Amino acid sequence: MFIVWDRLFMMQGSKKKMTQTELGAVIGVGKAAIQKYEKGIVKNLKRSSIQQLANALDCKPSYLLGFDKESPPEITESEKT
């Protein structure tokens, strides 16, 4: 399982306008980890980490994983688990 890294970078940079440090704080990792995620260095993330990224960026995990091809679908409150 891997994240489509350009989608993470796009979502992190444009939609929520969070810095790497801010995004890391939200999901409980450091800035260096977010940098590795964006560069595609980390290939296997836990499902819980993918869910936390999606929650923080207001999109569905399926978008970050490349299953949704269109613009990022909004995540509903009931899906944030």
PDB file of N, CA and C in Angstrom:
ATOM      1  N   MET A   1       0.854  -1.170   0.000  1.00  0.00           N
ATOM      2  CA  MET A   1       0.000   0.000   0.000  1.00  0.00           C
ATOM      3  C   MET A   1       0.899   1.232   0.000  1.00  0.00           C
ATOM      4  N   PHE A   2       0.571   2.199  -0.830  1.00  0.00           N
ATOM      5  CA  PHE A   2       1.354   3.423  -0.851  1.00  0.00           C
ATOM      6  C   PHE A   2       0.461   4.606  -1.172  1.00  0.00           C
ATOM      7  N   ILE A   3       0.884   5.747  -0.740  1.00  0.00           N
ATOM      8  CA  ILE A   3       0.153   6.975  -1.018  1.00  0.00           C
ATOM      9  C   ILE A   3       0.653   7.533  -2.332  1.00  0.00           C
ATOM     10  N   VAL A   4      -0.247   8.083  -3.105  1.00  0.00           N
ATOM     11  CA  VAL A   4       0.165   8.811  -4.293  1.00  0.00           C
ATOM     12  C   VAL A   4       0.730  10.135  -3.785  1.00  0.00           C
ATOM     13  N   TRP A   5       2.044  10.214  -3.758  1.00  0.00           N
ATOM     14  CA  TRP A   5       2.749  11.285  -3.055  1.00  0.00           C
ATOM     15  C   TRP A   5       2.437  12.666  -3.589  1.00  0.00           C
ATOM     16  N   ASP A   6       2.230  12.790  -4.888  1.00  0.00           N
ATOM     17  CA  ASP A   6       1.911  14.111  -5.413  1.00  0.00           C
ATOM     18  C   ASP A   6       0.569  14.597  -4.896  1.00  0.00           C
ATOM     19  N   ARG A   7      -0.347  13.674  -4.609  1.00  0.00           N
ATOM     20  CA  ARG A   7      -1.642  14.075  -4.037  1.00  0.00           C
ATOM     21  C   ARG A   7      -1.476  14.574  -2.611  1.00  0.00           C
ATOM     22  N   LEU A   8      -0.643  13.911  -1.849  1.00  0.00           N
ATOM     23  CA  LEU A   8      -0.382  14.375  -0.487  1.00  0.00           C
ATOM     24  C   LEU A   8       0.232  15.768  -0.525  1.00  0.00           C
ATOM     25  N   PHE A   9       1.201  15.952  -1.381  1.00  0.00           N
ATOM     26  CA  PHE A   9       1.874  17.243  -1.485  1.00  0.00           C
ATOM     27  C   PHE A   9       0.881  18.328  -1.915  1.00  0.00           C
ATOM     28  N   MET A  10       0.041  18.018  -2.916  1.00  0.00           N
ATOM     29  CA  MET A  10      -0.936  18.991  -3.401  1.00  0.00           C
ATOM     30  C   MET A  10      -1.946  19.340  -2.310  1.00  0.00           C
ATOM     31  N   MET A  11      -2.457  18.309  -1.617  1.00  0.00           N
ATOM     32  CA  MET A  11      -3.456  18.549  -0.581  1.00  0.00           C
ATOM     33  C   MET A  11      -2.854  19.331   0.578  1.00  0.00           C
ATOM     34  N   GLN A  12      -1.667  18.970   0.962  1.00  0.00           N
ATOM     35  CA  GLN A  12      -1.028  19.621   2.096  1.00  0.00           C
ATOM     36  C   GLN A  12      -0.719  21.069   1.768  1.00  0.00           C
ATOM     37  N   GLY A  13      -0.357  21.337   0.528  1.00  0.00           N
ATOM     38  CA  GLY A  13       0.043  22.690   0.161  1.00  0.00           C
ATOM     39  C   GLY A  13      -1.095  23.608  -0.206  1.00  0.00           C
ATOM     40  N   SER A  14      -2.134  23.075  -0.841  1.00  0.00           N
ATOM     41  CA  SER A  14      -3.138  23.985  -1.382  1.00  0.00           C
ATOM     42  C   SER A  14      -4.433  24.045  -0.596  1.00  0.00           C
ATOM     43  N   LYS A  15      -4.949  22.908  -0.175  1.00  0.00           N
ATOM     44  CA  LYS A  15      -6.276  22.927   0.425  1.00  0.00           C
ATOM     45  C   LYS A  15      -6.270  23.470   1.852  1.00  0.00           C
ATOM     46  N   LYS A  16      -5.432  22.943   2.686  1.00  0.00           N
ATOM     47  CA  LYS A  16      -5.439  23.330   4.086  1.00  0.00           C
ATOM     48  C   LYS A  16      -4.389  24.378   4.422  1.00  0.00           C
ATOM     49  N   LYS A  17      -3.417  24.572   3.554  1.00  0.00           N
ATOM     50  CA  LYS A  17      -2.363  25.568   3.772  1.00  0.00           C
ATOM     51  C   LYS A  17      -1.643  25.349   5.094  1.00  0.00           C
ATOM     52  N   MET A  18      -1.291  24.093   5.373  1.00  0.00           N
ATOM     53  CA  MET A  18      -0.549  23.770   6.588  1.00  0.00           C
ATOM     54  C   MET A  18       0.921  23.603   6.244  1.00  0.00           C
ATOM     55  N   THR A  19       1.761  23.960   7.167  1.00  0.00           N
ATOM     56  CA  THR A  19       3.179  23.680   6.999  1.00  0.00           C
ATOM     57  C   THR A  19       3.415  22.208   7.329  1.00  0.00           C
ATOM     58  N   GLN A  20       4.577  21.719   6.984  1.00  0.00           N
ATOM     59  CA  GLN A  20       4.927  20.342   7.320  1.00  0.00           C
ATOM     60  C   GLN A  20       4.918  20.148   8.830  1.00  0.00           C
ATOM     61  N   THR A  21       5.384  21.136   9.549  1.00  0.00           N
ATOM     62  CA  THR A  21       5.404  21.056  11.013  1.00  0.00           C
ATOM     63  C   THR A  21       3.984  20.982  11.567  1.00  0.00           C
ATOM     64  N   GLU A  22       3.086  21.815  11.039  1.00  0.00           N
ATOM     65  CA  GLU A  22       1.698  21.815  11.510  1.00  0.00           C
ATOM     66  C   GLU A  22       1.006  20.491  11.195  1.00  0.00           C
ATOM     67  N   LEU A  23       1.193  19.987   9.973  1.00  0.00           N
ATOM     68  CA  LEU A  23       0.572  18.713   9.600  1.00  0.00           C
ATOM     69  C   LEU A  23       1.125  17.590  10.473  1.00  0.00           C
ATOM     70  N   GLY A  24       2.409  17.590  10.692  1.00  0.00           N
ATOM     71  CA  GLY A  24       3.012  16.579  11.554  1.00  0.00           C
ATOM     72  C   GLY A  24       2.447  16.619  12.965  1.00  0.00           C
ATOM     73  N   ALA A  25       2.258  17.821  13.490  1.00  0.00           N
ATOM     74  CA  ALA A  25       1.696  17.963  14.836  1.00  0.00           C
ATOM     75  C   ALA A  25       0.279  17.411  14.901  1.00  0.00           C
ATOM     76  N   VAL A  26      -0.494  17.616  13.854  1.00  0.00           N
ATOM     77  CA  VAL A  26      -1.878  17.139  13.831  1.00  0.00           C
ATOM     78  C   VAL A  26      -1.925  15.615  13.841  1.00  0.00           C
ATOM     79  N   ILE A  27      -1.025  14.976  13.110  1.00  0.00           N
ATOM     80  CA  ILE A  27      -1.086  13.511  13.022  1.00  0.00           C
ATOM     81  C   ILE A  27      -0.098  12.812  13.948  1.00  0.00           C
ATOM     82  N   GLY A  28       0.696  13.595  14.684  1.00  0.00           N
ATOM     83  CA  GLY A  28       1.567  13.010  15.689  1.00  0.00           C
ATOM     84  C   GLY A  28       2.922  12.541  15.196  1.00  0.00           C
ATOM     85  N   VAL A  29       3.445  13.187  14.147  1.00  0.00           N
ATOM     86  CA  VAL A  29       4.798  12.880  13.665  1.00  0.00           C
ATOM     87  C   VAL A  29       5.566  14.183  13.498  1.00  0.00           C
ATOM     88  N   GLY A  30       6.849  14.084  13.285  1.00  0.00           N
ATOM     89  CA  GLY A  30       7.667  15.277  13.110  1.00  0.00           C
ATOM     90  C   GLY A  30       7.696  15.774  11.673  1.00  0.00           C
ATOM     91  N   LYS A  31       8.258  16.948  11.506  1.00  0.00           N
ATOM     92  CA  LYS A  31       8.390  17.557  10.183  1.00  0.00           C
ATOM     93  C   LYS A  31       9.175  16.645   9.240  1.00  0.00           C
ATOM     94  N   ALA A  32      10.212  15.990   9.745  1.00  0.00           N
ATOM     95  CA  ALA A  32      11.033  15.105   8.918  1.00  0.00           C
ATOM     96  C   ALA A  32      10.201  13.953   8.342  1.00  0.00           C
ATOM     97  N   ALA A  33       9.271  13.441   9.126  1.00  0.00           N
ATOM     98  CA  ALA A  33       8.415  12.356   8.635  1.00  0.00           C
ATOM     99  C   ALA A  33       7.529  12.842   7.499  1.00  0.00           C
ATOM    100  N   ILE A  34       6.956  14.032   7.634  1.00  0.00           N
ATOM    101  CA  ILE A  34       6.118  14.581   6.566  1.00  0.00           C
ATOM    102  C   ILE A  34       6.955  14.790   5.303  1.00  0.00           C
ATOM    103  N   GLN A  35       8.180  15.266   5.459  1.00  0.00           N
ATOM    104  CA  GLN A  35       9.067  15.435   4.307  1.00  0.00           C
ATOM    105  C   GLN A  35       9.307  14.099   3.614  1.00  0.00           C
ATOM    106  N   LYS A  36       9.513  13.053   4.389  1.00  0.00           N
ATOM    107  CA  LYS A  36       9.719  11.722   3.809  1.00  0.00           C
ATOM    108  C   LYS A  36       8.464  11.231   3.101  1.00  0.00           C
ATOM    109  N   TYR A  37       7.296  11.492   3.679  1.00  0.00           N
ATOM    110  CA  TYR A  37       6.044  11.104   3.029  1.00  0.00           C
ATOM    111  C   TYR A  37       5.919  11.797   1.678  1.00  0.00           C
ATOM    112  N   GLU A  38       6.175  13.113   1.658  1.00  0.00           N
ATOM    113  CA  GLU A  38       6.023  13.888   0.430  1.00  0.00           C
ATOM    114  C   GLU A  38       7.008  13.459  -0.651  1.00  0.00           C
ATOM    115  N   LYS A  39       8.194  13.058  -0.244  1.00  0.00           N
ATOM    116  CA  LYS A  39       9.218  12.648  -1.215  1.00  0.00           C
ATOM    117  C   LYS A  39       9.068  11.198  -1.643  1.00  0.00           C
ATOM    118  N   GLY A  40       8.157  10.473  -1.014  1.00  0.00           N
ATOM    119  CA  GLY A  40       7.942   9.077  -1.361  1.00  0.00           C
ATOM    120  C   GLY A  40       8.965   8.127  -0.780  1.00  0.00           C
ATOM    121  N   ILE A  41       9.712   8.583   0.209  1.00  0.00           N
ATOM    122  CA  ILE A  41      10.732   7.744   0.833  1.00  0.00           C
ATOM    123  C   ILE A  41      10.088   6.636   1.660  1.00  0.00           C
ATOM    124  N   VAL A  42       9.014   6.967   2.347  1.00  0.00           N
ATOM    125  CA  VAL A  42       8.281   5.985   3.149  1.00  0.00           C
ATOM    126  C   VAL A  42       7.268   5.308   2.235  1.00  0.00           C
ATOM    127  N   LYS A  43       7.385   4.000   2.097  1.00  0.00           N
ATOM    128  CA  LYS A  43       6.514   3.258   1.175  1.00  0.00           C
ATOM    129  C   LYS A  43       5.320   2.611   1.857  1.00  0.00           C
ATOM    130  N   ASN A  44       5.453   2.265   3.103  1.00  0.00           N
ATOM    131  CA  ASN A  44       4.374   1.557   3.799  1.00  0.00           C
ATOM    132  C   ASN A  44       3.985   2.298   5.065  1.00  0.00           C
ATOM    133  N   LEU A  45       2.844   2.949   5.006  1.00  0.00           N
ATOM    134  CA  LEU A  45       2.305   3.625   6.183  1.00  0.00           C
ATOM    135  C   LEU A  45       1.225   2.761   6.809  1.00  0.00           C
ATOM    136  N   LYS A  46       1.065   2.880   8.101  1.00  0.00           N
ATOM    137  CA  LYS A  46      -0.036   2.202   8.772  1.00  0.00           C
ATOM    138  C   LYS A  46      -1.351   2.798   8.283  1.00  0.00           C
ATOM    139  N   ARG A  47      -2.384   1.967   8.275  1.00  0.00           N
ATOM    140  CA  ARG A  47      -3.704   2.467   7.891  1.00  0.00           C
ATOM    141  C   ARG A  47      -4.144   3.615   8.782  1.00  0.00           C
ATOM    142  N   SER A  48      -3.788   3.544  10.056  1.00  0.00           N
ATOM    143  CA  SER A  48      -4.182   4.615  10.969  1.00  0.00           C
ATOM    144  C   SER A  48      -3.498   5.932  10.581  1.00  0.00           C
ATOM    145  N   SER A  49      -2.267   5.878  10.109  1.00  0.00           N
ATOM    146  CA  SER A  49      -1.562   7.091   9.679  1.00  0.00           C
ATOM    147  C   SER A  49      -2.196   7.676   8.424  1.00  0.00           C
ATOM    148  N   ILE A  50      -2.593   6.816   7.505  1.00  0.00           N
ATOM    149  CA  ILE A  50      -3.252   7.283   6.280  1.00  0.00           C
ATOM    150  C   ILE A  50      -4.577   7.944   6.637  1.00  0.00           C
ATOM    151  N   GLN A  51      -5.313   7.335   7.562  1.00  0.00           N
ATOM    152  CA  GLN A  51      -6.590   7.912   7.993  1.00  0.00           C
ATOM    153  C   GLN A  51      -6.367   9.258   8.658  1.00  0.00           C
ATOM    154  N   GLN A  52      -5.340   9.369   9.491  1.00  0.00           N
ATOM    155  CA  GLN A  52      -5.047  10.639  10.152  1.00  0.00           C
ATOM    156  C   GLN A  52      -4.672  11.718   9.131  1.00  0.00           C
ATOM    157  N   LEU A  53      -3.886  11.360   8.127  1.00  0.00           N
ATOM    158  CA  LEU A  53      -3.548  12.319   7.070  1.00  0.00           C
ATOM    159  C   LEU A  53      -4.807  12.778   6.343  1.00  0.00           C
ATOM    160  N   ALA A  54      -5.658  11.837   5.994  1.00  0.00           N
ATOM    161  CA  ALA A  54      -6.902  12.175   5.290  1.00  0.00           C
ATOM    162  C   ALA A  54      -7.775  13.082   6.149  1.00  0.00           C
ATOM    163  N   ASN A  55      -7.897  12.773   7.429  1.00  0.00           N
ATOM    164  CA  ASN A  55      -8.690  13.608   8.331  1.00  0.00           C
ATOM    165  C   ASN A  55      -8.125  15.019   8.398  1.00  0.00           C
ATOM    166  N   ALA A  56      -6.806  15.112   8.529  1.00  0.00           N
ATOM    167  CA  ALA A  56      -6.166  16.422   8.647  1.00  0.00           C
ATOM    168  C   ALA A  56      -6.324  17.247   7.368  1.00  0.00           C
ATOM    169  N   LEU A  57      -6.388  16.573   6.221  1.00  0.00           N
ATOM    170  CA  LEU A  57      -6.470  17.267   4.934  1.00  0.00           C
ATOM    171  C   LEU A  57      -7.893  17.319   4.375  1.00  0.00           C
ATOM    172  N   ASP A  58      -8.854  16.846   5.151  1.00  0.00           N
ATOM    173  CA  ASP A  58     -10.268  16.848   4.749  1.00  0.00           C
ATOM    174  C   ASP A  58     -10.496  16.156   3.409  1.00  0.00           C
ATOM    175  N   CYS A  59      -9.935  14.969   3.266  1.00  0.00           N
ATOM    176  CA  CYS A  59     -10.206  14.162   2.087  1.00  0.00           C
ATOM    177  C   CYS A  59     -10.326  12.709   2.537  1.00  0.00           C
ATOM    178  N   LYS A  60     -10.669  11.857   1.615  1.00  0.00           N
ATOM    179  CA  LYS A  60     -10.804  10.443   1.943  1.00  0.00           C
ATOM    180  C   LYS A  60      -9.476   9.732   1.719  1.00  0.00           C
ATOM    181  N   PRO A  61      -9.207   8.702   2.512  1.00  0.00           N
ATOM    182  CA  PRO A  61      -7.987   7.928   2.298  1.00  0.00           C
ATOM    183  C   PRO A  61      -7.891   7.383   0.874  1.00  0.00           C
ATOM    184  N   SER A  62      -9.013   7.029   0.293  1.00  0.00           N
ATOM    185  CA  SER A  62      -9.003   6.482  -1.064  1.00  0.00           C
ATOM    186  C   SER A  62      -8.452   7.486  -2.080  1.00  0.00           C
ATOM    187  N   TYR A  63      -8.623   8.779  -1.813  1.00  0.00           N
ATOM    188  CA  TYR A  63      -8.042   9.791  -2.700  1.00  0.00           C
ATOM    189  C   TYR A  63      -6.523   9.803  -2.559  1.00  0.00           C
ATOM    190  N   LEU A  64      -6.030   9.785  -1.322  1.00  0.00           N
ATOM    191  CA  LEU A  64      -4.585   9.792  -1.102  1.00  0.00           C
ATOM    192  C   LEU A  64      -3.923   8.539  -1.674  1.00  0.00           C
ATOM    193  N   LEU A  65      -4.658   7.429  -1.682  1.00  0.00           N
ATOM    194  CA  LEU A  65      -4.120   6.173  -2.192  1.00  0.00           C
ATOM    195  C   LEU A  65      -4.255   6.045  -3.704  1.00  0.00           C
ATOM    196  N   GLY A  66      -4.931   6.990  -4.346  1.00  0.00           N
ATOM    197  CA  GLY A  66      -5.042   6.969  -5.797  1.00  0.00           C
ATOM    198  C   GLY A  66      -6.249   6.229  -6.340  1.00  0.00           C
ATOM    199  N   PHE A  67      -7.155   5.807  -5.458  1.00  0.00           N
ATOM    200  CA  PHE A  67      -8.341   5.094  -5.913  1.00  0.00           C
ATOM    201  C   PHE A  67      -9.392   6.040  -6.485  1.00  0.00           C
ATOM    202  N   ASP A  68      -9.470   7.247  -5.975  1.00  0.00           N
ATOM    203  CA  ASP A  68     -10.376   8.265  -6.491  1.00  0.00           C
ATOM    204  C   ASP A  68      -9.574   9.125  -7.460  1.00  0.00           C
ATOM    205  N   LYS A  69      -9.999   9.158  -8.703  1.00  0.00           N
ATOM    206  CA  LYS A  69      -9.227   9.844  -9.733  1.00  0.00           C
ATOM    207  C   LYS A  69      -9.562  11.324  -9.856  1.00  0.00           C
ATOM    208  N   GLU A  70     -10.731  11.702  -9.441  1.00  0.00           N
ATOM    209  CA  GLU A  70     -11.173  13.090  -9.574  1.00  0.00           C
ATOM    210  C   GLU A  70     -10.626  13.941  -8.440  1.00  0.00           C
ATOM    211  N   SER A  71     -11.142  15.150  -8.356  1.00  0.00           N
ATOM    212  CA  SER A  71     -10.717  16.037  -7.282  1.00  0.00           C
ATOM    213  C   SER A  71     -11.028  15.393  -5.940  1.00  0.00           C
ATOM    214  N   PRO A  72     -10.316  15.787  -4.919  1.00  0.00           N
ATOM    215  CA  PRO A  72     -10.454  15.115  -3.631  1.00  0.00           C
ATOM    216  C   PRO A  72     -11.855  15.208  -3.062  1.00  0.00           C
ATOM    217  N   PRO A  73     -12.465  14.067  -2.753  1.00  0.00           N
ATOM    218  CA  PRO A  73     -13.788  14.096  -2.132  1.00  0.00           C
ATOM    219  C   PRO A  73     -13.683  14.572  -0.692  1.00  0.00           C
ATOM    220  N   GLU A  74     -14.668  15.340  -0.292  1.00  0.00           N
ATOM    221  CA  GLU A  74     -14.702  15.821   1.090  1.00  0.00           C
ATOM    222  C   GLU A  74     -15.016  14.649   2.008  1.00  0.00           C
ATOM    223  N   ILE A  75     -14.420  14.652   3.151  1.00  0.00           N
ATOM    224  CA  ILE A  75     -14.686  13.616   4.147  1.00  0.00           C
ATOM    225  C   ILE A  75     -15.758  14.135   5.103  1.00  0.00           C
ATOM    226  N   THR A  76     -16.681  13.279   5.455  1.00  0.00           N
ATOM    227  CA  THR A  76     -17.736  13.693   6.362  1.00  0.00           C
ATOM    228  C   THR A  76     -17.304  13.398   7.794  1.00  0.00           C
ATOM    229  N   GLU A  77     -17.976  14.021   8.738  1.00  0.00           N
ATOM    230  CA  GLU A  77     -17.644  13.805  10.145  1.00  0.00           C
ATOM    231  C   GLU A  77     -17.793  12.345  10.542  1.00  0.00           C
ATOM    232  N   SER A  78     -18.782  11.643   9.977  1.00  0.00           N
ATOM    233  CA  SER A  78     -18.994  10.240  10.344  1.00  0.00           C
ATOM    234  C   SER A  78     -17.870   9.344   9.817  1.00  0.00           C
ATOM    235  N   GLU A  79     -17.138   9.800   8.792  1.00  0.00           N
ATOM    236  CA  GLU A  79     -16.053   9.003   8.231  1.00  0.00           C
ATOM    237  C   GLU A  79     -14.729   9.223   8.965  1.00  0.00           C
ATOM    238  N   LYS A  80     -14.667  10.204   9.847  1.00  0.00           N
ATOM    239  CA  LYS A  80     -13.448  10.508  10.594  1.00  0.00           C
ATOM    240  C   LYS A  80     -13.366   9.587  11.809  1.00  0.00           C
ATOM    241  N   THR A  81     -12.901   8.375  11.582  1.00  0.00           N
ATOM    242  CA  THR A  81     -12.791   7.417  12.690  1.00  0.00           C
ATOM    243  C   THR A  81     -11.405   6.843  12.754  1.00  0.00           C
TER     244      THR A  81
END
